[in-house]
Amino acid sequence: MKTPYKNIYEVLKTNRFIVLAVIIMAMLSTIISSVISFKMYDKSLNGSFAIGKNGEVIPLQWVQQKENLEVEALEHLRLFHTYFYDIDATNFESNIEKALWLGNSTVDNIYRQKKADGVYNRLMQYSLVQKVISIDSEIDLKAEPYPFRTTTVFQINRGSIIDTYELVTTGKILHLEKRNFPKNTHGLLITDYFENTLKKIDYEN
């Protein structure tokens, strides 16, 4: 008994239906993918980038990282200058030790020079109090190591006499491989440290 052949028109009709279904599914898939891609692009455009001062497009994540770095660097400098210059006969040893953890050998060299010049001996001998009044730092974050300039105003209390001084220091800041809590919580290190100018000023509260 022979198997009857299907009507050729029915076969073509079925094939055409399958082809049309595949084309429609492909078009729907393309449209859905395009919509999703557009939404992702629009979201990234609005939420992941910022415009720089010169009109350049900057990734928002990088902007946030830069802002965080600036905050940490400024705080690192504030801590260092406080420890290094806010001293008296009772706390200078512990403060200097804390400050040395925040800088490299250039900081240690200045400390040794001050020690050789008798700065700390006079502090103990005459019970002097050196008090930091203000710390103002500027830092350039364009490239590491980051150069900085800090102006520190401090007073030296000699009992009946209080003298005020303005110290300008410069240096650079770089990242350490890891943070050291609590000795160096920001994971930054001061390098090329230098005391540029020191002058006596008139200060009014």
N, C-alpha and C. Protein backbone atom coordinates (compact mmCIF):
# COMPACT_ATOMS: atom_id res chain seq x y z
N MET A 1 0.84 -1.20 0.00
CA MET A 1 0.00 0.00 0.00
C MET A 1 0.87 1.25 0.00
N LYS A 2 0.66 2.16 -0.89
CA LYS A 2 1.47 3.37 -1.01
C LYS A 2 0.98 4.45 -0.04
N THR A 3 2.03 5.20 0.55
CA THR A 3 1.70 6.33 1.44
C THR A 3 1.34 7.52 0.60
N PRO A 4 0.19 8.09 0.77
CA PRO A 4 -0.23 9.22 -0.06
C PRO A 4 0.61 10.46 0.27
N TYR A 5 1.04 11.16 -0.74
CA TYR A 5 1.80 12.40 -0.55
C TYR A 5 0.88 13.50 -0.07
N LYS A 6 1.42 14.36 0.80
CA LYS A 6 0.65 15.51 1.27
C LYS A 6 0.51 16.51 0.15
N ASN A 7 -0.55 17.25 0.23
CA ASN A 7 -0.79 18.29 -0.75
C ASN A 7 0.34 19.30 -0.69
N ILE A 8 0.98 19.59 -1.84
CA ILE A 8 2.13 20.49 -1.91
C ILE A 8 1.80 21.87 -1.36
N TYR A 9 0.57 22.31 -1.55
CA TYR A 9 0.15 23.63 -1.06
C TYR A 9 0.08 23.67 0.46
N GLU A 10 -0.32 22.57 1.05
CA GLU A 10 -0.35 22.52 2.50
C GLU A 10 1.05 22.57 3.10
N VAL A 11 1.97 21.86 2.40
CA VAL A 11 3.37 21.86 2.87
C VAL A 11 3.95 23.27 2.78
N LEU A 12 3.73 23.95 1.66
CA LEU A 12 4.24 25.31 1.49
C LEU A 12 3.61 26.26 2.50
N LYS A 13 2.33 26.05 2.75
CA LYS A 13 1.62 26.89 3.71
C LYS A 13 2.21 26.74 5.11
N THR A 14 2.51 25.49 5.47
CA THR A 14 3.10 25.22 6.79
C THR A 14 4.49 25.84 6.90
N ASN A 15 5.29 25.66 5.82
CA ASN A 15 6.65 26.24 5.82
C ASN A 15 6.60 27.76 5.93
N ARG A 16 5.64 28.36 5.20
CA ARG A 16 5.53 29.81 5.25
C ARG A 16 5.15 30.29 6.65
N PHE A 17 4.28 29.56 7.30
CA PHE A 17 3.88 29.90 8.66
C PHE A 17 5.08 29.84 9.61
N ILE A 18 5.89 28.78 9.45
CA ILE A 18 7.07 28.62 10.31
C ILE A 18 8.06 29.77 10.08
N VAL A 19 8.28 30.10 8.80
CA VAL A 19 9.22 31.18 8.47
C VAL A 19 8.73 32.51 9.04
N LEU A 20 7.43 32.79 8.85
CA LEU A 20 6.88 34.03 9.37
C LEU A 20 6.99 34.10 10.90
N ALA A 21 6.73 32.95 11.54
CA ALA A 21 6.82 32.91 13.01
C ALA A 21 8.24 33.19 13.46
N VAL A 22 9.23 32.60 12.76
CA VAL A 22 10.63 32.83 13.11
C VAL A 22 11.01 34.30 12.92
N ILE A 23 10.54 34.89 11.80
CA ILE A 23 10.85 36.30 11.51
C ILE A 23 10.25 37.21 12.57
N ILE A 24 8.97 36.93 12.93
CA ILE A 24 8.29 37.75 13.93
C ILE A 24 9.00 37.65 15.29
N MET A 25 9.40 36.44 15.67
CA MET A 25 10.10 36.25 16.94
C MET A 25 11.44 36.97 16.93
N ALA A 26 12.14 36.91 15.78
CA ALA A 26 13.42 37.60 15.68
C ALA A 26 13.24 39.10 15.80
N MET A 27 12.20 39.63 15.16
CA MET A 27 11.93 41.07 15.23
C MET A 27 11.59 41.49 16.66
N LEU A 28 10.73 40.68 17.32
CA LEU A 28 10.38 40.99 18.71
C LEU A 28 11.61 40.96 19.60
N SER A 29 12.46 39.96 19.38
CA SER A 29 13.68 39.84 20.17
C SER A 29 14.59 41.05 19.97
N THR A 30 14.68 41.50 18.70
CA THR A 30 15.51 42.66 18.39
C THR A 30 14.97 43.91 19.05
N ILE A 31 13.62 44.08 18.98
CA ILE A 31 13.00 45.26 19.58
C ILE A 31 13.20 45.27 21.09
N ILE A 32 12.97 44.11 21.73
CA ILE A 32 13.13 44.03 23.19
C ILE A 32 14.58 44.31 23.59
N SER A 33 15.52 43.75 22.84
CA SER A 33 16.94 43.98 23.14
C SER A 33 17.31 45.45 22.98
N SER A 34 16.75 46.07 21.94
CA SER A 34 17.02 47.48 21.70
C SER A 34 16.48 48.35 22.82
N VAL A 35 15.27 48.04 23.28
CA VAL A 35 14.66 48.80 24.38
C VAL A 35 15.48 48.66 25.65
N ILE A 36 15.88 47.43 25.95
CA ILE A 36 16.68 47.19 27.16
C ILE A 36 18.02 47.92 27.06
N SER A 37 18.66 47.83 25.90
CA SER A 37 19.96 48.49 25.71
C SER A 37 19.83 50.01 25.86
N PHE A 38 18.73 50.56 25.30
CA PHE A 38 18.53 52.01 25.39
C PHE A 38 18.33 52.44 26.84
N LYS A 39 17.54 51.66 27.59
CA LYS A 39 17.31 51.99 28.99
C LYS A 39 18.60 51.93 29.79
N MET A 40 19.42 50.92 29.52
CA MET A 40 20.69 50.79 30.22
C MET A 40 21.62 51.95 29.86
N TYR A 41 21.63 52.32 28.58
CA TYR A 41 22.47 53.45 28.14
C TYR A 41 22.01 54.75 28.77
N ASP A 42 20.66 54.94 28.78
CA ASP A 42 20.12 56.17 29.36
C ASP A 42 20.42 56.24 30.85
N LYS A 43 20.32 55.11 31.53
CA LYS A 43 20.60 55.07 32.95
C LYS A 43 22.07 55.37 33.23
N SER A 44 22.95 54.76 32.42
CA SER A 44 24.38 54.99 32.61
C SER A 44 24.76 56.41 32.28
N LEU A 45 24.08 56.97 31.27
CA LEU A 45 24.39 58.34 30.86
C LEU A 45 24.00 59.34 31.93
N ASN A 46 22.87 59.07 32.58
CA ASN A 46 22.38 60.00 33.59
C ASN A 46 23.00 59.78 34.96
N GLY A 47 23.41 58.55 35.26
CA GLY A 47 23.85 58.25 36.61
C GLY A 47 25.28 57.87 36.78
N SER A 48 26.03 57.67 35.69
CA SER A 48 27.38 57.16 35.84
C SER A 48 28.46 58.12 35.37
N PHE A 49 28.07 59.29 34.90
CA PHE A 49 29.06 60.22 34.40
C PHE A 49 28.79 61.61 34.95
N ALA A 50 29.84 62.42 34.97
CA ALA A 50 29.72 63.81 35.38
C ALA A 50 30.51 64.66 34.39
N ILE A 51 30.20 65.94 34.36
CA ILE A 51 30.89 66.86 33.46
C ILE A 51 31.96 67.60 34.24
N GLY A 52 33.20 67.55 33.75
CA GLY A 52 34.31 68.22 34.40
C GLY A 52 34.29 69.71 34.15
N LYS A 53 35.25 70.40 34.76
CA LYS A 53 35.31 71.86 34.65
C LYS A 53 35.55 72.29 33.21
N ASN A 54 36.26 71.47 32.45
CA ASN A 54 36.57 71.82 31.06
C ASN A 54 35.59 71.21 30.06
N GLY A 55 34.48 70.66 30.55
CA GLY A 55 33.46 70.10 29.68
C GLY A 55 33.67 68.64 29.35
N GLU A 56 34.70 68.01 29.92
CA GLU A 56 34.95 66.61 29.61
C GLU A 56 34.02 65.71 30.40
N VAL A 57 33.70 64.54 29.81
CA VAL A 57 32.84 63.57 30.48
C VAL A 57 33.70 62.69 31.38
N ILE A 58 33.33 62.63 32.66
CA ILE A 58 34.11 61.88 33.64
C ILE A 58 33.23 60.83 34.28
N PRO A 59 33.68 59.57 34.38
CA PRO A 59 32.89 58.55 35.07
C PRO A 59 32.59 58.97 36.50
N LEU A 60 31.32 58.85 36.89
CA LEU A 60 30.91 59.29 38.21
C LEU A 60 31.63 58.53 39.31
N GLN A 61 31.87 57.24 39.07
CA GLN A 61 32.57 56.44 40.07
C GLN A 61 33.96 57.01 40.32
N TRP A 62 34.62 57.44 39.23
CA TRP A 62 35.96 58.02 39.37
C TRP A 62 35.88 59.33 40.13
N VAL A 63 34.82 60.11 39.86
CA VAL A 63 34.63 61.39 40.56
C VAL A 63 34.48 61.14 42.05
N GLN A 64 33.66 60.14 42.39
CA GLN A 64 33.44 59.82 43.80
C GLN A 64 34.73 59.34 44.46
N GLN A 65 35.50 58.51 43.74
CA GLN A 65 36.77 58.04 44.28
C GLN A 65 37.72 59.21 44.51
N LYS A 66 37.72 60.15 43.56
CA LYS A 66 38.58 61.32 43.69
C LYS A 66 38.18 62.17 44.88
N GLU A 67 36.86 62.34 45.05
CA GLU A 67 36.37 63.12 46.19
C GLU A 67 36.74 62.43 47.50
N ASN A 68 36.59 61.12 47.55
CA ASN A 68 36.94 60.37 48.75
C ASN A 68 38.44 60.48 49.03
N LEU A 69 39.25 60.40 47.96
CA LEU A 69 40.70 60.51 48.12
C LEU A 69 41.08 61.87 48.66
N GLU A 70 40.43 62.91 48.15
CA GLU A 70 40.74 64.27 48.60
C GLU A 70 40.43 64.42 50.08
N VAL A 71 39.29 63.88 50.51
CA VAL A 71 38.90 63.97 51.92
C VAL A 71 39.92 63.23 52.79
N GLU A 72 40.30 62.03 52.37
CA GLU A 72 41.26 61.24 53.15
C GLU A 72 42.63 61.89 53.17
N ALA A 73 43.06 62.42 52.03
CA ALA A 73 44.37 63.05 51.96
C ALA A 73 44.43 64.29 52.85
N LEU A 74 43.39 65.12 52.81
CA LEU A 74 43.35 66.32 53.64
C LEU A 74 43.33 65.96 55.12
N GLU A 75 42.60 64.91 55.46
CA GLU A 75 42.56 64.47 56.85
C GLU A 75 43.91 63.90 57.28
N HIS A 76 44.56 63.19 56.36
CA HIS A 76 45.90 62.65 56.63
C HIS A 76 46.87 63.79 56.94
N LEU A 77 46.81 64.85 56.14
CA LEU A 77 47.68 66.00 56.35
C LEU A 77 47.33 66.72 57.66
N ARG A 78 46.05 66.81 57.95
CA ARG A 78 45.64 67.46 59.21
C ARG A 78 46.17 66.70 60.41
N LEU A 79 46.03 65.38 60.38
CA LEU A 79 46.53 64.56 61.48
C LEU A 79 48.04 64.71 61.63
N PHE A 80 48.73 64.62 60.50
CA PHE A 80 50.20 64.70 60.57
C PHE A 80 50.65 66.02 61.16
N HIS A 81 50.15 67.14 60.66
CA HIS A 81 50.59 68.44 61.13
C HIS A 81 50.17 68.69 62.58
N THR A 82 49.05 68.11 62.98
CA THR A 82 48.65 68.21 64.38
C THR A 82 49.62 67.45 65.27
N TYR A 83 49.90 66.20 64.90
CA TYR A 83 50.83 65.39 65.70
C TYR A 83 52.24 66.01 65.74
N PHE A 84 52.69 66.53 64.61
CA PHE A 84 54.08 66.97 64.50
C PHE A 84 54.32 68.34 65.14
N TYR A 85 53.28 69.17 65.18
CA TYR A 85 53.50 70.54 65.65
C TYR A 85 52.68 70.92 66.88
N ASP A 86 51.65 70.17 67.22
CA ASP A 86 50.87 70.45 68.43
C ASP A 86 51.47 69.64 69.58
N ILE A 87 52.48 70.21 70.22
CA ILE A 87 53.26 69.42 71.19
C ILE A 87 53.58 70.26 72.42
N ASP A 88 53.83 69.55 73.50
CA ASP A 88 54.33 70.18 74.72
C ASP A 88 55.26 69.18 75.41
N ALA A 89 55.70 69.53 76.60
CA ALA A 89 56.69 68.70 77.29
C ALA A 89 56.15 67.33 77.66
N THR A 90 54.84 67.19 77.77
CA THR A 90 54.26 65.92 78.21
C THR A 90 53.86 64.99 77.07
N ASN A 91 53.60 65.55 75.88
CA ASN A 91 53.06 64.69 74.83
C ASN A 91 53.91 64.60 73.57
N PHE A 92 55.03 65.35 73.50
CA PHE A 92 55.74 65.44 72.22
C PHE A 92 56.29 64.09 71.75
N GLU A 93 56.71 63.24 72.68
CA GLU A 93 57.28 61.96 72.26
C GLU A 93 56.21 61.07 71.61
N SER A 94 55.04 60.98 72.23
CA SER A 94 53.97 60.15 71.66
C SER A 94 53.42 60.76 70.37
N ASN A 95 53.32 62.09 70.33
CA ASN A 95 52.81 62.74 69.12
C ASN A 95 53.77 62.59 67.95
N ILE A 96 55.06 62.76 68.21
CA ILE A 96 56.05 62.61 67.15
C ILE A 96 56.05 61.17 66.63
N GLU A 97 55.91 60.21 67.50
CA GLU A 97 55.85 58.80 67.08
C GLU A 97 54.67 58.57 66.15
N LYS A 98 53.52 59.14 66.50
CA LYS A 98 52.34 59.01 65.64
C LYS A 98 52.56 59.67 64.29
N ALA A 99 53.21 60.84 64.31
CA ALA A 99 53.46 61.56 63.07
C ALA A 99 54.40 60.79 62.14
N LEU A 100 55.38 60.12 62.71
CA LEU A 100 56.37 59.40 61.90
C LEU A 100 55.73 58.23 61.14
N TRP A 101 54.62 57.72 61.63
CA TRP A 101 53.92 56.65 60.92
C TRP A 101 53.23 57.17 59.66
N LEU A 102 53.05 58.47 59.56
CA LEU A 102 52.32 59.06 58.44
C LEU A 102 53.22 59.58 57.33
N GLY A 103 54.54 59.52 57.53
CA GLY A 103 55.48 60.01 56.53
C GLY A 103 56.68 59.09 56.38
N ASN A 104 57.49 59.35 55.37
CA ASN A 104 58.66 58.52 55.14
C ASN A 104 59.90 59.13 55.78
N SER A 105 61.06 58.79 55.28
CA SER A 105 62.31 59.22 55.89
C SER A 105 62.51 60.73 55.84
N THR A 106 61.86 61.42 54.90
CA THR A 106 62.02 62.87 54.84
C THR A 106 61.41 63.54 56.07
N VAL A 107 60.35 62.97 56.60
CA VAL A 107 59.77 63.47 57.84
C VAL A 107 60.71 63.15 59.00
N ASP A 108 61.22 61.94 59.01
CA ASP A 108 62.15 61.53 60.07
C ASP A 108 63.40 62.40 60.08
N ASN A 109 63.87 62.80 58.90
CA ASN A 109 65.06 63.65 58.81
C ASN A 109 64.82 65.02 59.46
N ILE A 110 63.63 65.58 59.22
CA ILE A 110 63.30 66.87 59.84
C ILE A 110 63.20 66.73 61.35
N TYR A 111 62.59 65.62 61.79
CA TYR A 111 62.50 65.37 63.23
C TYR A 111 63.89 65.28 63.85
N ARG A 112 64.80 64.56 63.21
CA ARG A 112 66.15 64.41 63.75
C ARG A 112 66.90 65.74 63.76
N GLN A 113 66.66 66.55 62.73
CA GLN A 113 67.30 67.86 62.68
C GLN A 113 66.80 68.76 63.82
N LYS A 114 65.48 68.73 64.06
CA LYS A 114 64.91 69.50 65.16
C LYS A 114 65.48 69.02 66.50
N LYS A 115 65.59 67.73 66.63
CA LYS A 115 66.13 67.16 67.87
C LYS A 115 67.58 67.59 68.07
N ALA A 116 68.37 67.57 66.98
CA ALA A 116 69.77 67.99 67.06
C ALA A 116 69.89 69.47 67.38
N ASP A 117 68.92 70.26 66.93
CA ASP A 117 68.93 71.70 67.19
C ASP A 117 68.43 72.06 68.59
N GLY A 118 68.00 71.06 69.34
CA GLY A 118 67.57 71.29 70.71
C GLY A 118 66.13 71.76 70.86
N VAL A 119 65.33 71.60 69.82
CA VAL A 119 63.94 72.07 69.88
C VAL A 119 63.18 71.38 71.00
N TYR A 120 63.31 70.07 71.11
CA TYR A 120 62.54 69.32 72.10
C TYR A 120 63.13 69.47 73.50
N ASN A 121 64.45 69.67 73.58
CA ASN A 121 65.06 69.93 74.89
C ASN A 121 64.54 71.23 75.48
N ARG A 122 64.43 72.28 74.63
CA ARG A 122 63.91 73.55 75.11
C ARG A 122 62.45 73.43 75.52
N LEU A 123 61.73 72.58 74.79
CA LEU A 123 60.32 72.35 75.10
C LEU A 123 60.17 71.83 76.52
N MET A 124 61.03 70.87 76.90
CA MET A 124 60.97 70.28 78.24
C MET A 124 61.57 71.20 79.28
N GLN A 125 62.68 71.84 78.92
CA GLN A 125 63.39 72.68 79.89
C GLN A 125 62.57 73.86 80.36
N TYR A 126 61.86 74.49 79.41
CA TYR A 126 61.10 75.69 79.75
C TYR A 126 59.58 75.45 79.81
N SER A 127 59.18 74.17 79.73
CA SER A 127 57.76 73.80 79.79
C SER A 127 56.95 74.58 78.76
N LEU A 128 57.45 74.64 77.55
CA LEU A 128 56.77 75.37 76.49
C LEU A 128 55.57 74.57 75.99
N VAL A 129 54.58 75.29 75.50
CA VAL A 129 53.40 74.67 74.90
C VAL A 129 53.26 75.20 73.48
N GLN A 130 53.36 74.30 72.51
CA GLN A 130 53.21 74.68 71.10
C GLN A 130 51.85 74.18 70.64
N LYS A 131 50.95 75.11 70.35
CA LYS A 131 49.56 74.78 70.06
C LYS A 131 49.21 75.15 68.62
N VAL A 132 48.70 74.17 67.85
CA VAL A 132 48.28 74.43 66.48
C VAL A 132 46.93 75.14 66.49
N ILE A 133 46.85 76.24 65.75
CA ILE A 133 45.64 77.04 65.68
C ILE A 133 44.82 76.68 64.43
N SER A 134 45.50 76.53 63.30
CA SER A 134 44.79 76.20 62.06
C SER A 134 45.71 75.46 61.11
N ILE A 135 45.10 74.64 60.26
CA ILE A 135 45.82 73.88 59.24
C ILE A 135 45.05 74.00 57.93
N ASP A 136 45.69 74.53 56.92
CA ASP A 136 45.04 74.73 55.63
C ASP A 136 45.89 74.07 54.55
N SER A 137 45.36 73.02 53.91
CA SER A 137 46.12 72.25 52.93
C SER A 137 45.50 72.34 51.55
N GLU A 138 46.35 72.35 50.54
CA GLU A 138 45.93 72.27 49.14
C GLU A 138 46.66 71.07 48.53
N ILE A 139 45.92 70.26 47.75
CA ILE A 139 46.51 69.07 47.17
C ILE A 139 46.08 68.92 45.72
N ASP A 140 47.01 68.49 44.87
CA ASP A 140 46.75 68.30 43.45
C ASP A 140 46.62 66.80 43.19
N LEU A 141 45.42 66.36 42.76
CA LEU A 141 45.15 64.94 42.60
C LEU A 141 45.25 64.47 41.14
N LYS A 142 45.92 65.24 40.30
CA LYS A 142 45.99 64.86 38.89
C LYS A 142 46.82 63.60 38.68
N ALA A 143 47.89 63.45 39.41
CA ALA A 143 48.76 62.28 39.21
C ALA A 143 49.47 61.95 40.52
N GLU A 144 49.61 60.66 40.78
CA GLU A 144 50.30 60.20 41.99
C GLU A 144 51.80 60.08 41.72
N PRO A 145 52.64 60.48 42.69
CA PRO A 145 52.33 61.02 44.02
C PRO A 145 51.76 62.43 43.94
N TYR A 146 50.83 62.72 44.84
CA TYR A 146 50.07 63.96 44.78
C TYR A 146 50.78 65.07 45.56
N PRO A 147 51.18 66.14 44.90
CA PRO A 147 51.84 67.24 45.61
C PRO A 147 50.86 68.03 46.48
N PHE A 148 51.36 68.51 47.61
CA PHE A 148 50.52 69.31 48.50
C PHE A 148 51.30 70.50 49.05
N ARG A 149 50.54 71.43 49.54
CA ARG A 149 51.09 72.62 50.21
C ARG A 149 50.20 72.91 51.41
N THR A 150 50.81 72.99 52.59
CA THR A 150 50.05 73.18 53.82
C THR A 150 50.56 74.40 54.57
N THR A 151 49.62 75.20 55.02
CA THR A 151 49.94 76.36 55.87
C THR A 151 49.42 76.08 57.28
N THR A 152 50.34 76.01 58.21
CA THR A 152 49.99 75.72 59.61
C THR A 152 50.29 76.94 60.47
N VAL A 153 49.30 77.37 61.21
CA VAL A 153 49.49 78.46 62.16
C VAL A 153 49.51 77.86 63.56
N PHE A 154 50.57 78.16 64.32
CA PHE A 154 50.66 77.64 65.68
C PHE A 154 51.21 78.71 66.62
N GLN A 155 50.93 78.52 67.88
CA GLN A 155 51.39 79.45 68.91
C GLN A 155 52.33 78.75 69.87
N ILE A 156 53.31 79.48 70.35
CA ILE A 156 54.21 78.98 71.37
C ILE A 156 53.97 79.80 72.64
N ASN A 157 53.51 79.09 73.65
CA ASN A 157 53.19 79.73 74.93
C ASN A 157 54.40 79.64 75.84
N ARG A 158 54.97 80.81 76.15
CA ARG A 158 56.13 80.88 77.03
C ARG A 158 55.75 81.44 78.40
N GLY A 159 54.55 81.17 78.81
CA GLY A 159 54.07 81.69 80.09
C GLY A 159 53.36 83.01 79.90
N SER A 160 54.08 84.09 80.12
CA SER A 160 53.49 85.41 79.98
C SER A 160 53.52 85.91 78.54
N ILE A 161 54.26 85.20 77.68
CA ILE A 161 54.42 85.61 76.29
C ILE A 161 53.88 84.51 75.37
N ILE A 162 53.06 84.91 74.42
CA ILE A 162 52.55 83.96 73.41
C ILE A 162 52.90 84.51 72.04
N ASP A 163 53.70 83.76 71.31
CA ASP A 163 54.09 84.13 69.95
C ASP A 163 53.37 83.24 68.95
N THR A 164 52.97 83.82 67.83
CA THR A 164 52.25 83.09 66.79
C THR A 164 53.12 83.01 65.53
N TYR A 165 53.14 81.83 64.92
CA TYR A 165 53.96 81.60 63.75
C TYR A 165 53.14 80.97 62.63
N GLU A 166 53.56 81.25 61.41
CA GLU A 166 52.96 80.64 60.23
C GLU A 166 54.02 79.81 59.52
N LEU A 167 53.75 78.54 59.37
CA LEU A 167 54.68 77.61 58.74
C LEU A 167 54.09 77.07 57.44
N VAL A 168 54.85 77.15 56.36
CA VAL A 168 54.42 76.60 55.07
C VAL A 168 55.26 75.37 54.77
N THR A 169 54.59 74.25 54.56
CA THR A 169 55.28 73.01 54.26
C THR A 169 54.78 72.44 52.92
N THR A 170 55.63 71.68 52.26
CA THR A 170 55.25 71.05 51.00
C THR A 170 55.72 69.60 51.01
N GLY A 171 55.19 68.85 50.07
CA GLY A 171 55.56 67.45 49.94
C GLY A 171 54.66 66.76 48.95
N LYS A 172 54.66 65.44 49.02
CA LYS A 172 53.80 64.64 48.15
C LYS A 172 53.17 63.52 48.98
N ILE A 173 52.05 63.03 48.46
CA ILE A 173 51.34 61.93 49.13
C ILE A 173 51.18 60.78 48.15
N LEU A 174 51.44 59.57 48.62
CA LEU A 174 51.22 58.39 47.79
C LEU A 174 50.50 57.31 48.60
N HIS A 175 49.95 56.34 47.86
CA HIS A 175 49.23 55.24 48.50
C HIS A 175 50.20 54.17 49.01
N LEU A 176 49.85 53.60 50.15
CA LEU A 176 50.53 52.41 50.63
C LEU A 176 49.77 51.18 50.13
N GLU A 177 50.41 50.03 50.19
CA GLU A 177 49.75 48.81 49.74
C GLU A 177 48.56 48.47 50.62
N LYS A 178 48.65 48.78 51.89
CA LYS A 178 47.52 48.51 52.78
C LYS A 178 47.51 49.51 53.92
N ARG A 179 46.36 49.65 54.54
CA ARG A 179 46.21 50.54 55.68
C ARG A 179 46.74 49.86 56.94
N ASN A 180 47.12 50.70 57.90
CA ASN A 180 47.59 50.17 59.18
C ASN A 180 46.77 50.82 60.28
N PHE A 181 45.82 50.06 60.81
CA PHE A 181 44.97 50.61 61.87
C PHE A 181 45.55 50.24 63.24
N PRO A 182 45.69 51.20 64.15
CA PRO A 182 45.27 52.61 64.06
C PRO A 182 46.40 53.57 63.69
N LYS A 183 47.56 53.04 63.31
CA LYS A 183 48.73 53.91 63.11
C LYS A 183 48.68 54.70 61.82
N ASN A 184 48.09 54.11 60.78
CA ASN A 184 47.94 54.84 59.51
C ASN A 184 46.64 54.38 58.86
N THR A 185 45.54 54.92 59.34
CA THR A 185 44.22 54.44 58.92
C THR A 185 43.87 54.80 57.49
N HIS A 186 44.49 55.84 56.93
CA HIS A 186 44.16 56.26 55.57
C HIS A 186 45.00 55.55 54.51
N GLY A 187 46.02 54.83 54.92
CA GLY A 187 46.85 54.12 53.96
C GLY A 187 47.60 55.04 53.02
N LEU A 188 47.98 56.21 53.51
CA LEU A 188 48.72 57.20 52.72
C LEU A 188 50.06 57.49 53.37
N LEU A 189 50.99 58.00 52.57
CA LEU A 189 52.33 58.29 53.10
C LEU A 189 52.81 59.63 52.55
N ILE A 190 53.33 60.47 53.45
CA ILE A 190 53.90 61.75 53.06
C ILE A 190 55.35 61.55 52.66
N THR A 191 55.70 62.05 51.48
CA THR A 191 57.08 61.95 50.99
C THR A 191 57.58 63.35 50.61
N ASP A 192 58.88 63.45 50.38
CA ASP A 192 59.50 64.72 49.95
C ASP A 192 59.07 65.88 50.85
N TYR A 193 58.98 65.61 52.14
CA TYR A 193 58.48 66.63 53.06
C TYR A 193 59.52 67.70 53.31
N PHE A 194 59.07 68.95 53.31
CA PHE A 194 60.00 70.07 53.46
C PHE A 194 59.31 71.24 54.14
N GLU A 195 60.00 71.85 55.10
CA GLU A 195 59.51 73.06 55.74
C GLU A 195 60.05 74.25 54.95
N ASN A 196 59.16 74.93 54.24
CA ASN A 196 59.59 75.99 53.33
C ASN A 196 59.87 77.30 54.03
N THR A 197 58.86 77.82 54.70
CA THR A 197 59.01 79.12 55.35
C THR A 197 58.38 79.10 56.74
N LEU A 198 58.99 79.84 57.63
CA LEU A 198 58.46 80.01 58.99
C LEU A 198 58.60 81.49 59.34
N LYS A 199 57.46 82.11 59.67
CA LYS A 199 57.52 83.53 60.02
C LYS A 199 56.59 83.83 61.18
N LYS A 200 56.99 84.82 61.95
CA LYS A 200 56.18 85.26 63.08
C LYS A 200 55.09 86.20 62.57
N ILE A 201 53.88 86.02 63.05
CA ILE A 201 52.75 86.83 62.57
C ILE A 201 51.97 87.38 63.74
N ASP A 202 51.15 88.37 63.46
CA ASP A 202 50.21 88.89 64.44
C ASP A 202 48.91 88.11 64.31
N TYR A 203 48.42 87.60 65.39
CA TYR A 203 47.22 86.76 65.33
C TYR A 203 46.18 87.31 66.29
N GLU A 204 44.95 87.41 65.76
CA GLU A 204 43.84 87.87 66.58
C GLU A 204 42.79 86.78 66.65
N ASN A 205 42.31 86.47 67.84
CA ASN A 205 41.28 85.45 68.01
C ASN A 205 39.95 85.89 67.41
